[in-house]
Amino acid sequence: MLDCAIIGAGLAGLVAARDLRNRGLGVVVLEARDRVGGRIENGVLADGQYVELGGQWIGAGHDAIFDLVERYGLRTIGIPAQGNLVVRVHGRLLEVPSAQDGEELTPFEVADLSQGLLRLRRLAHRLADDPAWVAANEAWLQQNLRRWVRTNLRTGGAQARFGEVYEAAFGTMAPDATLLEGLRQINSGPSLETMIANNGGLNQQRVDGGMAALCEALAADLGDAVRLGNAVTRIGHGDVASVTLASGETIEARTVISTLPPRLAVALEYDPPLPQWRLDVAQRVAPGNVIKAYLVYETPFWRERGLSGQSSSDEGAVRVTFDTTLAASERGLLMGFFEGNEAGSLAARPFEDRQRAFIESAIRAFGSEAAKPVEYVERDWTAEQYTRGCHGAHFAPGIWTSSGPVLAAPDGCLYWAGAEYSTKFNGYMEGAVRSAEEVAATVALALI
């Protein structure tokens, strides 16, 4: 009998398997797809170069992933070109200088800025989604916005960078502007997190060869322990685990780790049935709705105009773009996202409609030169049978506070790992790796 059966060969499943195997335990990784990586995937363009169709960026504090990258002899590459960030807001077209043209933030300031932006985004979401909370906190929301920034961003560098980007997006911050007014602007305008990440403020990196290269290295390390094309339909989790595959085969193990996102996880059959609270929480943890797409041009023409190829907008089908051109390529790669309602409405329409919509958004940001790409590729993650949504899950108001941390609690010999189950960097690839490492350590201790 195996020590552990792991469901899913994404980052969490592969890392958990590696850690358990390194402790001398017998494992199998069961993956429904014909590839490893889960929400990490490379595509190939007509000229043979790769594009990252799924998870891509890593940054400050992602120590667990950086450690894996180093361990497997991979290297990271940064944003390919510096230049101005294009911002469209309320019909105005602005060019924001790259943060790297100014003083670089220290790692502590980057972490401070990231945490402050996360708090602000969560407040903005709650303002839009939770009227009862807004009514109960009416007086608190009237506090001065500058005061909130000084309280929640504690370093001078983070405060200064936030102010620069906020004013680029919304104009000068009035001395008497309230937190409520700021949150409303954030909900109606471009993403400040995206703007700051785009122009170098968060020092984002990616793996040379794509994050898929890291997953493939992990899988190669595990060898025959990774079984592709093995979809799981049923999990028994009594004194020992039994995992039934779509083929009818049953695999027995002392423990099982599921790395499926909550909604996919509860769709399987369980014996005994999962507790009702877990089913309820899973239904309130909606998967993300994203189509990731690329426009390929003969050259990265935007660089000749001093632009970085990165943009953020408050309107249009594609509101965020990045230059992901590889150093060795002459062609220019412009990556963007269809998100939320735009992704939902366009997903049902022909491929050509999405291509046209992306081109129109690129023209608004970069001018008529963006009208004639030589290639277009995309990945609609909601249409992927074994994903059903990306980037990560969205916790409805109050769900993370009340139930999020206990989602990772085991059910007998059944354990959970992945980006949605992590208490740190929840929803990120870093969260998936940390969750896997923690769960592997817990399972190993239980099996000793």
Foldseek 3Di string as FASTA:
>chain_A
DFAEEEEALALLRLLLVVLLVVVVGGYFYEAQAQAHHFQWDWDADPVGDIDTFGAWKDFQPLVLVVVLCVVLPWDKDFFDDAFWAWEAEPNDTDTHHFPVVDDADDSVQLVLLVQLLVVLLVVLQCVVFPVVVCVVCVVVQQAAPLVSLCVRRPDPVSSVLLQSLLCRWPNHRDRRDTNNNVSVCCVQKWRSVQVCVQRCRGGMIGIVVGVSVSSVSSDVVVPPSYDYSWAWAEWEFDCWIWTATPVGDIDTHRFYEYAAQQLLVQNHHYVVHDDPVSVVQSVQFAFWWKKKKKFKAQAQVQVVVRHSLWYATSDFQWGTWGWPDDPPDRITIIMTMRGDPSSVVCVPPDPVVVVQRVLVVVCSRRNPVSNDTPDMDMDGQCPDPRRNHDDGIDHRPPSCVPPQQCSQPADRRYGYAYLSNAPPNRSHSSRRSVRSVVVSVVSSVVVD
